[in-house]
Amino acid sequence: MLEYKGYTADIEVDIQAGVLHGRVRDIQDVVTFEAKTAAELERKFHRSIDVYLQFCQETQQEPDRPYPQSVPHTIALEATPDLCRAASNAGKSIDSWAQEVLSDAARRSLEHFA
């Protein structure tokens, strides 16, 4: 994994081709790069981000920013017993139950805009 200017890239190795592939994650735009060595891969990653940001500036587009890895949320104290029971009934922790419920609600909400 590489990080630069707030962006993170996942790396894959193609043994047969002798190439390292990288792709910036957690954004909708596609930013990829490849190299033959780790040092070259890091330089190419930095260059790809710089070119991406320059392109966005030149075309007056807002660059995608990485999605947050977690989203803090506050739950009213009076809702806690219901949340505990619902999570327990589903056989899940409150965090995993809440994540599932929020993800499902977000998908359903976005279907109306598709």
PDB file of N, CA and C in Angstrom:
ATOM      1  N   MET A   1       0.850  -1.167   0.000  1.00  0.00           N
ATOM      2  CA  MET A   1       0.000   0.000   0.000  1.00  0.00           C
ATOM      3  C   MET A   1       0.902   1.238   0.000  1.00  0.00           C
ATOM      4  N   LEU A   2       0.530   2.210  -0.820  1.00  0.00           N
ATOM      5  CA  LEU A   2       1.259   3.473  -0.904  1.00  0.00           C
ATOM      6  C   LEU A   2       0.326   4.617  -0.530  1.00  0.00           C
ATOM      7  N   GLU A   3       0.884   5.680   0.043  1.00  0.00           N
ATOM      8  CA  GLU A   3       0.096   6.865   0.393  1.00  0.00           C
ATOM      9  C   GLU A   3       0.821   8.115  -0.083  1.00  0.00           C
ATOM     10  N   TYR A   4       0.028   9.073  -0.599  1.00  0.00           N
ATOM     11  CA  TYR A   4       0.594  10.333  -1.091  1.00  0.00           C
ATOM     12  C   TYR A   4      -0.529  11.350  -1.206  1.00  0.00           C
ATOM     13  N   LYS A   5      -0.335  12.514  -0.604  1.00  0.00           N
ATOM     14  CA  LYS A   5      -1.293  13.627  -0.670  1.00  0.00           C
ATOM     15  C   LYS A   5      -2.712  13.208  -0.288  1.00  0.00           C
ATOM     16  N   GLY A   6      -2.822  12.313   0.675  1.00  0.00           N
ATOM     17  CA  GLY A   6      -4.133  11.871   1.141  1.00  0.00           C
ATOM     18  C   GLY A   6      -4.739  10.738   0.336  1.00  0.00           C
ATOM     19  N   TYR A   7      -4.066  10.301  -0.710  1.00  0.00           N
ATOM     20  CA  TYR A   7      -4.548   9.202  -1.545  1.00  0.00           C
ATOM     21  C   TYR A   7      -3.787   7.924  -1.190  1.00  0.00           C
ATOM     22  N   THR A   8      -4.471   6.799  -1.324  1.00  0.00           N
ATOM     23  CA  THR A   8      -3.881   5.497  -1.025  1.00  0.00           C
ATOM     24  C   THR A   8      -4.037   4.608  -2.248  1.00  0.00           C
ATOM     25  N   ALA A   9      -3.010   3.816  -2.511  1.00  0.00           N
ATOM     26  CA  ALA A   9      -3.056   2.908  -3.658  1.00  0.00           C
ATOM     27  C   ALA A   9      -2.836   1.475  -3.205  1.00  0.00           C
ATOM     28  N   ASP A  10      -3.558   0.570  -3.828  1.00  0.00           N
ATOM     29  CA  ASP A  10      -3.340  -0.860  -3.645  1.00  0.00           C
ATOM     30  C   ASP A  10      -2.396  -1.337  -4.738  1.00  0.00           C
ATOM     31  N   ILE A  11      -1.566  -2.298  -4.403  1.00  0.00           N
ATOM     32  CA  ILE A  11      -0.553  -2.799  -5.326  1.00  0.00           C
ATOM     33  C   ILE A  11      -0.801  -4.275  -5.616  1.00  0.00           C
ATOM     34  N   GLU A  12      -0.641  -4.651  -6.880  1.00  0.00           N
ATOM     35  CA  GLU A  12      -0.705  -6.054  -7.293  1.00  0.00           C
ATOM     36  C   GLU A  12       0.569  -6.384  -8.052  1.00  0.00           C
ATOM     37  N   VAL A  13       0.997  -7.616  -7.944  1.00  0.00           N
ATOM     38  CA  VAL A  13       2.206  -8.073  -8.621  1.00  0.00           C
ATOM     39  C   VAL A  13       1.809  -9.043  -9.724  1.00  0.00           C
ATOM     40  N   ASP A  14       2.301  -8.785 -10.934  1.00  0.00           N
ATOM     41  CA  ASP A  14       2.112  -9.713 -12.049  1.00  0.00           C
ATOM     42  C   ASP A  14       3.452 -10.413 -12.265  1.00  0.00           C
ATOM     43  N   ILE A  15       3.589 -11.590 -11.685  1.00  0.00           N
ATOM     44  CA  ILE A  15       4.854 -12.329 -11.726  1.00  0.00           C
ATOM     45  C   ILE A  15       5.251 -12.653 -13.160  1.00  0.00           C
ATOM     46  N   GLN A  16       4.293 -13.125 -13.962  1.00  0.00           N
ATOM     47  CA  GLN A  16       4.606 -13.516 -15.338  1.00  0.00           C
ATOM     48  C   GLN A  16       5.139 -12.348 -16.150  1.00  0.00           C
ATOM     49  N   ALA A  17       4.514 -11.183 -16.011  1.00  0.00           N
ATOM     50  CA  ALA A  17       4.940 -10.017 -16.780  1.00  0.00           C
ATOM     51  C   ALA A  17       6.084  -9.270 -16.101  1.00  0.00           C
ATOM     52  N   GLY A  18       6.344  -9.575 -14.832  1.00  0.00           N
ATOM     53  CA  GLY A  18       7.396  -8.875 -14.105  1.00  0.00           C
ATOM     54  C   GLY A  18       7.061  -7.415 -13.864  1.00  0.00           C
ATOM     55  N   VAL A  19       5.773  -7.155 -13.582  1.00  0.00           N
ATOM     56  CA  VAL A  19       5.309  -5.775 -13.441  1.00  0.00           C
ATOM     57  C   VAL A  19       4.516  -5.620 -12.145  1.00  0.00           C
ATOM     58  N   LEU A  20       4.650  -4.459 -11.540  1.00  0.00           N
ATOM     59  CA  LEU A  20       3.848  -4.076 -10.382  1.00  0.00           C
ATOM     60  C   LEU A  20       2.766  -3.122 -10.866  1.00  0.00           C
ATOM     61  N   HIS A  21       1.518  -3.394 -10.497  1.00  0.00           N
ATOM     62  CA  HIS A  21       0.395  -2.543 -10.875  1.00  0.00           C
ATOM     63  C   HIS A  21      -0.134  -1.853  -9.629  1.00  0.00           C
ATOM     64  N   GLY A  22      -0.521  -0.597  -9.785  1.00  0.00           N
ATOM     65  CA  GLY A  22      -1.129   0.125  -8.675  1.00  0.00           C
ATOM     66  C   GLY A  22      -2.410   0.795  -9.113  1.00  0.00           C
ATOM     67  N   ARG A  23      -3.327   0.944  -8.171  1.00  0.00           N
ATOM     68  CA  ARG A  23      -4.592   1.630  -8.426  1.00  0.00           C
ATOM     69  C   ARG A  23      -4.974   2.403  -7.171  1.00  0.00           C
ATOM     70  N   VAL A  24      -5.329   3.672  -7.369  1.00  0.00           N
ATOM     71  CA  VAL A  24      -5.765   4.500  -6.249  1.00  0.00           C
ATOM     72  C   VAL A  24      -7.125   4.001  -5.803  1.00  0.00           C
ATOM     73  N   ARG A  25      -7.285   3.830  -4.495  1.00  0.00           N
ATOM     74  CA  ARG A  25      -8.531   3.282  -3.970  1.00  0.00           C
ATOM     75  C   ARG A  25      -9.357   4.361  -3.280  1.00  0.00           C
ATOM     76  N   ASP A  26     -10.607   4.025  -3.061  1.00  0.00           N
ATOM     77  CA  ASP A  26     -11.554   4.866  -2.318  1.00  0.00           C
ATOM     78  C   ASP A  26     -11.912   6.165  -3.026  1.00  0.00           C
ATOM     79  N   ILE A  27     -11.788   6.180  -4.377  1.00  0.00           N
ATOM     80  CA  ILE A  27     -12.293   7.298  -5.176  1.00  0.00           C
ATOM     81  C   ILE A  27     -13.032   6.708  -6.371  1.00  0.00           C
ATOM     82  N   GLN A  28     -13.916   7.519  -6.971  1.00  0.00           N
ATOM     83  CA  GLN A  28     -14.662   7.023  -8.132  1.00  0.00           C
ATOM     84  C   GLN A  28     -13.846   7.118  -9.413  1.00  0.00           C
ATOM     85  N   ASP A  29     -13.023   8.166  -9.552  1.00  0.00           N
ATOM     86  CA  ASP A  29     -12.174   8.272 -10.731  1.00  0.00           C
ATOM     87  C   ASP A  29     -11.167   7.124 -10.729  1.00  0.00           C
ATOM     88  N   VAL A  30     -10.716   6.742 -11.917  1.00  0.00           N
ATOM     89  CA  VAL A  30      -9.754   5.648 -12.031  1.00  0.00           C
ATOM     90  C   VAL A  30      -8.365   6.233 -12.250  1.00  0.00           C
ATOM     91  N   VAL A  31      -7.469   5.954 -11.319  1.00  0.00           N
ATOM     92  CA  VAL A  31      -6.077   6.389 -11.416  1.00  0.00           C
ATOM     93  C   VAL A  31      -5.219   5.144 -11.218  1.00  0.00           C
ATOM     94  N   THR A  32      -4.486   4.760 -12.267  1.00  0.00           N
ATOM     95  CA  THR A  32      -3.650   3.561 -12.208  1.00  0.00           C
ATOM     96  C   THR A  32      -2.227   3.904 -12.627  1.00  0.00           C
ATOM     97  N   PHE A  33      -1.315   2.991 -12.344  1.00  0.00           N
ATOM     98  CA  PHE A  33       0.091   3.174 -12.695  1.00  0.00           C
ATOM     99  C   PHE A  33       0.767   1.818 -12.610  1.00  0.00           C
ATOM    100  N   GLU A  34       1.935   1.690 -13.239  1.00  0.00           N
ATOM    101  CA  GLU A  34       2.673   0.436 -13.163  1.00  0.00           C
ATOM    102  C   GLU A  34       4.157   0.705 -13.296  1.00  0.00           C
ATOM    103  N   ALA A  35       4.949  -0.248 -12.829  1.00  0.00           N
ATOM    104  CA  ALA A  35       6.403  -0.122 -12.870  1.00  0.00           C
ATOM    105  C   ALA A  35       7.025  -1.505 -12.709  1.00  0.00           C
ATOM    106  N   LYS A  36       8.337  -1.553 -12.870  1.00  0.00           N
ATOM    107  CA  LYS A  36       9.055  -2.823 -12.735  1.00  0.00           C
ATOM    108  C   LYS A  36       9.733  -2.972 -11.376  1.00  0.00           C
ATOM    109  N   THR A  37       9.941  -1.856 -10.653  1.00  0.00           N
ATOM    110  CA  THR A  37      10.562  -1.925  -9.327  1.00  0.00           C
ATOM    111  C   THR A  37       9.704  -1.172  -8.319  1.00  0.00           C
ATOM    112  N   ALA A  38       9.928  -1.459  -7.043  1.00  0.00           N
ATOM    113  CA  ALA A  38       9.168  -0.783  -5.984  1.00  0.00           C
ATOM    114  C   ALA A  38       9.459   0.714  -5.971  1.00  0.00           C
ATOM    115  N   ALA A  39      10.717   1.087  -6.133  1.00  0.00           N
ATOM    116  CA  ALA A  39      11.077   2.512  -6.131  1.00  0.00           C
ATOM    117  C   ALA A  39      10.421   3.233  -7.306  1.00  0.00           C
ATOM    118  N   GLU A  40      10.448   2.599  -8.463  1.00  0.00           N
ATOM    119  CA  GLU A  40       9.819   3.187  -9.648  1.00  0.00           C
ATOM    120  C   GLU A  40       8.306   3.277  -9.463  1.00  0.00           C
ATOM    121  N   LEU A  41       7.726   2.266  -8.826  1.00  0.00           N
ATOM    122  CA  LEU A  41       6.282   2.261  -8.592  1.00  0.00           C
ATOM    123  C   LEU A  41       5.874   3.445  -7.718  1.00  0.00           C
ATOM    124  N   GLU A  42       6.643   3.716  -6.685  1.00  0.00           N
ATOM    125  CA  GLU A  42       6.323   4.847  -5.814  1.00  0.00           C
ATOM    126  C   GLU A  42       6.417   6.165  -6.581  1.00  0.00           C
ATOM    127  N   ARG A  43       7.453   6.321  -7.401  1.00  0.00           N
ATOM    128  CA  ARG A  43       7.579   7.541  -8.227  1.00  0.00           C
ATOM    129  C   ARG A  43       6.395   7.670  -9.183  1.00  0.00           C
ATOM    130  N   LYS A  44       6.011   6.563  -9.801  1.00  0.00           N
ATOM    131  CA  LYS A  44       4.890   6.596 -10.750  1.00  0.00           C
ATOM    132  C   LYS A  44       3.577   6.909 -10.033  1.00  0.00           C
ATOM    133  N   PHE A  45       3.411   6.405  -8.830  1.00  0.00           N
ATOM    134  CA  PHE A  45       2.224   6.717  -8.031  1.00  0.00           C
ATOM    135  C   PHE A  45       2.168   8.214  -7.755  1.00  0.00           C
ATOM    136  N   HIS A  46       3.257   8.781  -7.280  1.00  0.00           N
ATOM    137  CA  HIS A  46       3.298  10.223  -7.014  1.00  0.00           C
ATOM    138  C   HIS A  46       2.998  11.005  -8.284  1.00  0.00           C
ATOM    139  N   ARG A  47       3.607  10.598  -9.374  1.00  0.00           N
ATOM    140  CA  ARG A  47       3.395  11.280 -10.664  1.00  0.00           C
ATOM    141  C   ARG A  47       1.932  11.169 -11.091  1.00  0.00           C
ATOM    142  N   SER A  48       1.325  10.004 -10.932  1.00  0.00           N
ATOM    143  CA  SER A  48      -0.078   9.817 -11.323  1.00  0.00           C
ATOM    144  C   SER A  48      -1.002  10.722 -10.520  1.00  0.00           C
ATOM    145  N   ILE A  49      -0.751  10.846  -9.221  1.00  0.00           N
ATOM    146  CA  ILE A  49      -1.568  11.736  -8.387  1.00  0.00           C
ATOM    147  C   ILE A  49      -1.362  13.181  -8.813  1.00  0.00           C
ATOM    148  N   ASP A  50      -0.110  13.583  -9.030  1.00  0.00           N
ATOM    149  CA  ASP A  50       0.168  14.960  -9.449  1.00  0.00           C
ATOM    150  C   ASP A  50      -0.498  15.278 -10.788  1.00  0.00           C
ATOM    151  N   VAL A  51      -0.422  14.347 -11.737  1.00  0.00           N
ATOM    152  CA  VAL A  51      -1.055  14.542 -13.050  1.00  0.00           C
ATOM    153  C   VAL A  51      -2.571  14.603 -12.898  1.00  0.00           C
ATOM    154  N   TYR A  52      -3.134  13.731 -12.084  1.00  0.00           N
ATOM    155  CA  TYR A  52      -4.580  13.728 -11.838  1.00  0.00           C
ATOM    156  C   TYR A  52      -5.036  15.065 -11.261  1.00  0.00           C
ATOM    157  N   LEU A  53      -4.336  15.549 -10.247  1.00  0.00           N
ATOM    158  CA  LEU A  53      -4.713  16.821  -9.619  1.00  0.00           C
ATOM    159  C   LEU A  53      -4.536  17.988 -10.587  1.00  0.00           C
ATOM    160  N   GLN A  54      -3.472  17.958 -11.394  1.00  0.00           N
ATOM    161  CA  GLN A  54      -3.249  19.005 -12.395  1.00  0.00           C
ATOM    162  C   GLN A  54      -4.358  18.984 -13.448  1.00  0.00           C
ATOM    163  N   PHE A  55      -4.734  17.790 -13.903  1.00  0.00           N
ATOM    164  CA  PHE A  55      -5.816  17.653 -14.881  1.00  0.00           C
ATOM    165  C   PHE A  55      -7.113  18.235 -14.322  1.00  0.00           C
ATOM    166  N   CYS A  56      -7.423  17.904 -13.088  1.00  0.00           N
ATOM    167  CA  CYS A  56      -8.642  18.424 -12.464  1.00  0.00           C
ATOM    168  C   CYS A  56      -8.610  19.942 -12.385  1.00  0.00           C
ATOM    169  N   GLN A  57      -7.453  20.483 -12.045  1.00  0.00           N
ATOM    170  CA  GLN A  57      -7.326  21.940 -11.959  1.00  0.00           C
ATOM    171  C   GLN A  57      -7.506  22.574 -13.340  1.00  0.00           C
ATOM    172  N   GLU A  58      -6.876  22.013 -14.355  1.00  0.00           N
ATOM    173  CA  GLU A  58      -6.956  22.564 -15.712  1.00  0.00           C
ATOM    174  C   GLU A  58      -8.363  22.478 -16.286  1.00  0.00           C
ATOM    175  N   THR A  59      -9.103  21.446 -15.932  1.00  0.00           N
ATOM    176  CA  THR A  59     -10.464  21.276 -16.446  1.00  0.00           C
ATOM    177  C   THR A  59     -11.514  21.830 -15.483  1.00  0.00           C
ATOM    178  N   GLN A  60     -11.046  22.477 -14.432  1.00  0.00           N
ATOM    179  CA  GLN A  60     -11.911  23.096 -13.421  1.00  0.00           C
ATOM    180  C   GLN A  60     -12.899  22.092 -12.827  1.00  0.00           C
ATOM    181  N   GLN A  61     -12.411  20.884 -12.607  1.00  0.00           N
ATOM    182  CA  GLN A  61     -13.203  19.845 -11.951  1.00  0.00           C
ATOM    183  C   GLN A  61     -12.659  19.629 -10.545  1.00  0.00           C
ATOM    184  N   GLU A  62     -13.546  19.339  -9.633  1.00  0.00           N
ATOM    185  CA  GLU A  62     -13.133  19.031  -8.266  1.00  0.00           C
ATOM    186  C   GLU A  62     -12.585  17.601  -8.243  1.00  0.00           C
ATOM    187  N   PRO A  63     -11.351  17.391  -7.783  1.00  0.00           N
ATOM    188  CA  PRO A  63     -10.838  16.018  -7.732  1.00  0.00           C
ATOM    189  C   PRO A  63     -11.588  15.193  -6.697  1.00  0.00           C
ATOM    190  N   ASP A  64     -11.738  13.905  -6.996  1.00  0.00           N
ATOM    191  CA  ASP A  64     -12.316  13.003  -6.000  1.00  0.00           C
ATOM    192  C   ASP A  64     -11.397  12.968  -4.794  1.00  0.00           C
ATOM    193  N   ARG A  65     -11.992  12.946  -3.644  1.00  0.00           N
ATOM    194  CA  ARG A  65     -11.233  12.789  -2.401  1.00  0.00           C
ATOM    195  C   ARG A  65     -11.553  11.408  -1.849  1.00  0.00           C
ATOM    196  N   PRO A  66     -10.580  10.769  -1.241  1.00  0.00           N
ATOM    197  CA  PRO A  66     -10.834   9.423  -0.707  1.00  0.00           C
ATOM    198  C   PRO A  66     -11.989   9.411   0.276  1.00  0.00           C
ATOM    199  N   TYR A  67     -12.766   8.347   0.195  1.00  0.00           N
ATOM    200  CA  TYR A  67     -13.849   8.151   1.144  1.00  0.00           C
ATOM    201  C   TYR A  67     -13.240   7.978   2.525  1.00  0.00           C
ATOM    202  N   PRO A  68     -13.897   8.490   3.551  1.00  0.00           N
ATOM    203  CA  PRO A  68     -13.367   8.262   4.904  1.00  0.00           C
ATOM    204  C   PRO A  68     -13.418   6.775   5.241  1.00  0.00           C
ATOM    205  N   GLN A  69     -12.452   6.330   6.009  1.00  0.00           N
ATOM    206  CA  GLN A  69     -12.401   4.917   6.393  1.00  0.00           C
ATOM    207  C   GLN A  69     -13.423   4.578   7.460  1.00  0.00           C
ATOM    208  N   SER A  70     -13.861   5.585   8.187  1.00  0.00           N
ATOM    209  CA  SER A  70     -14.927   5.376   9.162  1.00  0.00           C
ATOM    210  C   SER A  70     -15.719   6.665   9.279  1.00  0.00           C
ATOM    211  N   VAL A  71     -16.959   6.530   9.653  1.00  0.00           N
ATOM    212  CA  VAL A  71     -17.843   7.684   9.796  1.00  0.00           C
ATOM    213  C   VAL A  71     -18.339   7.712  11.235  1.00  0.00           C
ATOM    214  N   PRO A  72     -17.914   8.718  11.990  1.00  0.00           N
ATOM    215  CA  PRO A  72     -18.387   8.777  13.377  1.00  0.00           C
ATOM    216  C   PRO A  72     -19.868   9.146  13.419  1.00  0.00           C
ATOM    217  N   HIS A  73     -20.575   8.597  14.376  1.00  0.00           N
ATOM    218  CA  HIS A  73     -21.983   8.941  14.524  1.00  0.00           C
ATOM    219  C   HIS A  73     -22.350   8.906  16.007  1.00  0.00           C
ATOM    220  N   THR A  74     -23.304   9.729  16.362  1.00  0.00           N
ATOM    221  CA  THR A  74     -23.775   9.792  17.740  1.00  0.00           C
ATOM    222  C   THR A  74     -25.197   9.266  17.777  1.00  0.00           C
ATOM    223  N   ILE A  75     -25.475   8.429  18.739  1.00  0.00           N
ATOM    224  CA  ILE A  75     -26.803   7.839  18.879  1.00  0.00           C
ATOM    225  C   ILE A  75     -27.396   8.313  20.196  1.00  0.00           C
ATOM    226  N   ALA A  76     -28.644   8.736  20.141  1.00  0.00           N
ATOM    227  CA  ALA A  76     -29.319   9.209  21.353  1.00  0.00           C
ATOM    228  C   ALA A  76     -29.351   8.098  22.394  1.00  0.00           C
ATOM    229  N   LEU A  77     -29.114   8.468  23.631  1.00  0.00           N
ATOM    230  CA  LEU A  77     -29.058   7.501  24.726  1.00  0.00           C
ATOM    231  C   LEU A  77     -30.342   6.684  24.838  1.00  0.00           C
ATOM    232  N   GLU A  78     -31.489   7.329  24.595  1.00  0.00           N
ATOM    233  CA  GLU A  78     -32.756   6.603  24.727  1.00  0.00           C
ATOM    234  C   GLU A  78     -32.939   5.529  23.651  1.00  0.00           C
ATOM    235  N   ALA A  79     -32.178   5.603  22.557  1.00  0.00           N
ATOM    236  CA  ALA A  79     -32.275   4.595  21.498  1.00  0.00           C
ATOM    237  C   ALA A  79     -31.402   3.375  21.784  1.00  0.00           C
ATOM    238  N   THR A  80     -30.500   3.482  22.726  1.00  0.00           N
ATOM    239  CA  THR A  80     -29.534   2.414  22.981  1.00  0.00           C
ATOM    240  C   THR A  80     -30.171   1.063  23.311  1.00  0.00           C
ATOM    241  N   PRO A  81     -31.175   0.982  24.194  1.00  0.00           N
ATOM    242  CA  PRO A  81     -31.757  -0.345  24.475  1.00  0.00           C
ATOM    243  C   PRO A  81     -32.335  -1.016  23.232  1.00  0.00           C
ATOM    244  N   ASP A  82     -33.014  -0.237  22.388  1.00  0.00           N
ATOM    245  CA  ASP A  82     -33.574  -0.812  21.158  1.00  0.00           C
ATOM    246  C   ASP A  82     -32.463  -1.292  20.227  1.00  0.00           C
ATOM    247  N   LEU A  83     -31.399  -0.516  20.122  1.00  0.00           N
ATOM    248  CA  LEU A  83     -30.275  -0.920  19.270  1.00  0.00           C
ATOM    249  C   LEU A  83     -29.646  -2.208  19.786  1.00  0.00           C
ATOM    250  N   CYS A  84     -29.464  -2.282  21.081  1.00  0.00           N
ATOM    251  CA  CYS A  84     -28.878  -3.495  21.674  1.00  0.00           C
ATOM    252  C   CYS A  84     -29.739  -4.715  21.389  1.00  0.00           C
ATOM    253  N   ARG A  85     -31.046  -4.579  21.543  1.00  0.00           N
ATOM    254  CA  ARG A  85     -31.949  -5.710  21.287  1.00  0.00           C
ATOM    255  C   ARG A  85     -31.947  -6.097  19.809  1.00  0.00           C
ATOM    256  N   ALA A  86     -32.009  -5.106  18.932  1.00  0.00           N
ATOM    257  CA  ALA A  86     -32.030  -5.400  17.494  1.00  0.00           C
ATOM    258  C   ALA A  86     -30.742  -6.093  17.060  1.00  0.00           C
ATOM    259  N   ALA A  87     -29.606  -5.593  17.528  1.00  0.00           N
ATOM    260  CA  ALA A  87     -28.323  -6.217  17.180  1.00  0.00           C
ATOM    261  C   ALA A  87     -28.248  -7.626  17.745  1.00  0.00           C
ATOM    262  N   SER A  88     -28.686  -7.789  18.977  1.00  0.00           N
ATOM    263  CA  SER A  88     -28.667  -9.109  19.610  1.00  0.00           C
ATOM    264  C   SER A  88     -29.566 -10.089  18.866  1.00  0.00           C
ATOM    265  N   ASN A  89     -30.756  -9.641  18.476  1.00  0.00           N
ATOM    266  CA  ASN A  89     -31.683 -10.494  17.717  1.00  0.00           C
ATOM    267  C   ASN A  89     -31.084 -10.929  16.383  1.00  0.00           C
ATOM    268  N   ALA A  90     -30.242 -10.053  15.799  1.00  0.00           N
ATOM    269  CA  ALA A  90     -29.596 -10.378  14.526  1.00  0.00           C
ATOM    270  C   ALA A  90     -28.311 -11.184  14.736  1.00  0.00           C
ATOM    271  N   GLY A  91     -27.924 -11.369  16.008  1.00  0.00           N
ATOM    272  CA  GLY A  91     -26.703 -12.118  16.297  1.00  0.00           C
ATOM    273  C   GLY A  91     -25.443 -11.350  15.955  1.00  0.00           C
ATOM    274  N   LYS A  92     -25.509 -10.017  16.071  1.00  0.00           N
ATOM    275  CA  LYS A  92     -24.379  -9.172  15.680  1.00  0.00           C
ATOM    276  C   LYS A  92     -24.037  -8.192  16.787  1.00  0.00           C
ATOM    277  N   SER A  93     -22.825  -7.624  16.681  1.00  0.00           N
ATOM    278  CA  SER A  93     -22.468  -6.529  17.578  1.00  0.00           C
ATOM    279  C   SER A  93     -23.240  -5.290  17.130  1.00  0.00           C
ATOM    280  N   ILE A  94     -23.346  -4.313  18.016  1.00  0.00           N
ATOM    281  CA  ILE A  94     -24.044  -3.073  17.644  1.00  0.00           C
ATOM    282  C   ILE A  94     -23.366  -2.435  16.440  1.00  0.00           C
ATOM    283  N   ASP A  95     -22.021  -2.389  16.431  1.00  0.00           N
ATOM    284  CA  ASP A  95     -21.303  -1.765  15.316  1.00  0.00           C
ATOM    285  C   ASP A  95     -21.577  -2.470  13.990  1.00  0.00           C
ATOM    286  N   SER A  96     -21.474  -3.796  13.966  1.00  0.00           N
ATOM    287  CA  SER A  96     -21.688  -4.491  12.693  1.00  0.00           C
ATOM    288  C   SER A  96     -23.152  -4.421  12.267  1.00  0.00           C
ATOM    289  N   TRP A  97     -24.078  -4.479  13.223  1.00  0.00           N
ATOM    290  CA  TRP A  97     -25.499  -4.353  12.892  1.00  0.00           C
ATOM    291  C   TRP A  97     -25.783  -2.963  12.328  1.00  0.00           C
ATOM    292  N   ALA A  98     -25.266  -1.919  12.989  1.00  0.00           N
ATOM    293  CA  ALA A  98     -25.496  -0.544  12.527  1.00  0.00           C
ATOM    294  C   ALA A  98     -24.890  -0.331  11.144  1.00  0.00           C
ATOM    295  N   GLN A  99     -23.705  -0.877  10.908  1.00  0.00           N
ATOM    296  CA  GLN A  99     -23.073  -0.736   9.597  1.00  0.00           C
ATOM    297  C   GLN A  99     -23.935  -1.371   8.514  1.00  0.00           C
ATOM    298  N   GLU A 100     -24.456  -2.561   8.783  1.00  0.00           N
ATOM    299  CA  GLU A 100     -25.305  -3.252   7.811  1.00  0.00           C
ATOM    300  C   GLU A 100     -26.587  -2.469   7.543  1.00  0.00           C
ATOM    301  N   VAL A 101     -27.238  -2.002   8.601  1.00  0.00           N
ATOM    302  CA  VAL A 101     -28.498  -1.260   8.458  1.00  0.00           C
ATOM    303  C   VAL A 101     -28.268   0.051   7.707  1.00  0.00           C
ATOM    304  N   LEU A 102     -27.208   0.772   8.059  1.00  0.00           N
ATOM    305  CA  LEU A 102     -26.924   2.042   7.379  1.00  0.00           C
ATOM    306  C   LEU A 102     -26.563   1.819   5.910  1.00  0.00           C
ATOM    307  N   SER A 103     -25.786   0.787   5.620  1.00  0.00           N
ATOM    308  CA  SER A 103     -25.434   0.485   4.225  1.00  0.00           C
ATOM    309  C   SER A 103     -26.668   0.143   3.408  1.00  0.00           C
ATOM    310  N   ASP A 104     -27.548  -0.683   3.968  1.00  0.00           N
ATOM    311  CA  ASP A 104     -28.795  -1.037   3.274  1.00  0.00           C
ATOM    312  C   ASP A 104     -29.656   0.197   3.033  1.00  0.00           C
ATOM    313  N   ALA A 105     -29.774   1.055   4.036  1.00  0.00           N
ATOM    314  CA  ALA A 105     -30.582   2.271   3.900  1.00  0.00           C
ATOM    315  C   ALA A 105     -29.988   3.196   2.842  1.00  0.00           C
ATOM    316  N   ALA A 106     -28.674   3.322   2.811  1.00  0.00           N
ATOM    317  CA  ALA A 106     -28.027   4.179   1.816  1.00  0.00           C
ATOM    318  C   ALA A 106     -28.269   3.644   0.408  1.00  0.00           C
ATOM    319  N   ARG A 107     -28.129   2.328   0.221  1.00  0.00           N
ATOM    320  CA  ARG A 107     -28.377   1.736  -1.107  1.00  0.00           C
ATOM    321  C   ARG A 107     -29.814   1.972  -1.562  1.00  0.00           C
ATOM    322  N   ARG A 108     -30.768   1.741  -0.656  1.00  0.00           N
ATOM    323  CA  ARG A 108     -32.179   1.964  -1.016  1.00  0.00           C
ATOM    324  C   ARG A 108     -32.419   3.430  -1.362  1.00  0.00           C
ATOM    325  N   SER A 109     -31.833   4.323  -0.611  1.00  0.00           N
ATOM    326  CA  SER A 109     -31.998   5.751  -0.871  1.00  0.00           C
ATOM    327  C   SER A 109     -31.415   6.133  -2.230  1.00  0.00           C
ATOM    328  N   LEU A 110     -30.252   5.584  -2.562  1.00  0.00           N
ATOM    329  CA  LEU A 110     -29.602   5.911  -3.826  1.00  0.00           C
ATOM    330  C   LEU A 110     -30.323   5.314  -5.025  1.00  0.00           C
ATOM    331  N   GLU A 111     -31.069   4.231  -4.834  1.00  0.00           N
ATOM    332  CA  GLU A 111     -31.827   3.628  -5.934  1.00  0.00           C
ATOM    333  C   GLU A 111     -32.839   4.613  -6.504  1.00  0.00           C
ATOM    334  N   HIS A 112     -33.335   5.510  -5.691  1.00  0.00           N
ATOM    335  CA  HIS A 112     -34.309   6.498  -6.153  1.00  0.00           C
ATOM    336  C   HIS A 112     -33.682   7.526  -7.089  1.00  0.00           C
ATOM    337  N   PHE A 113     -32.354   7.658  -7.056  1.00  0.00           N
ATOM    338  CA  PHE A 113     -31.667   8.643  -7.884  1.00  0.00           C
ATOM    339  C   PHE A 113     -31.039   8.023  -9.115  1.00  0.00           C
ATOM    340  N   ALA A 114     -31.077   6.705  -9.218  1.00  0.00           N
ATOM    341  CA  ALA A 114     -30.432   6.017 -10.348  1.00  0.00           C
ATOM    342  C   ALA A 114     -31.265   6.111 -11.601  1.00  0.00           C
TER     343      ALA A 114
END
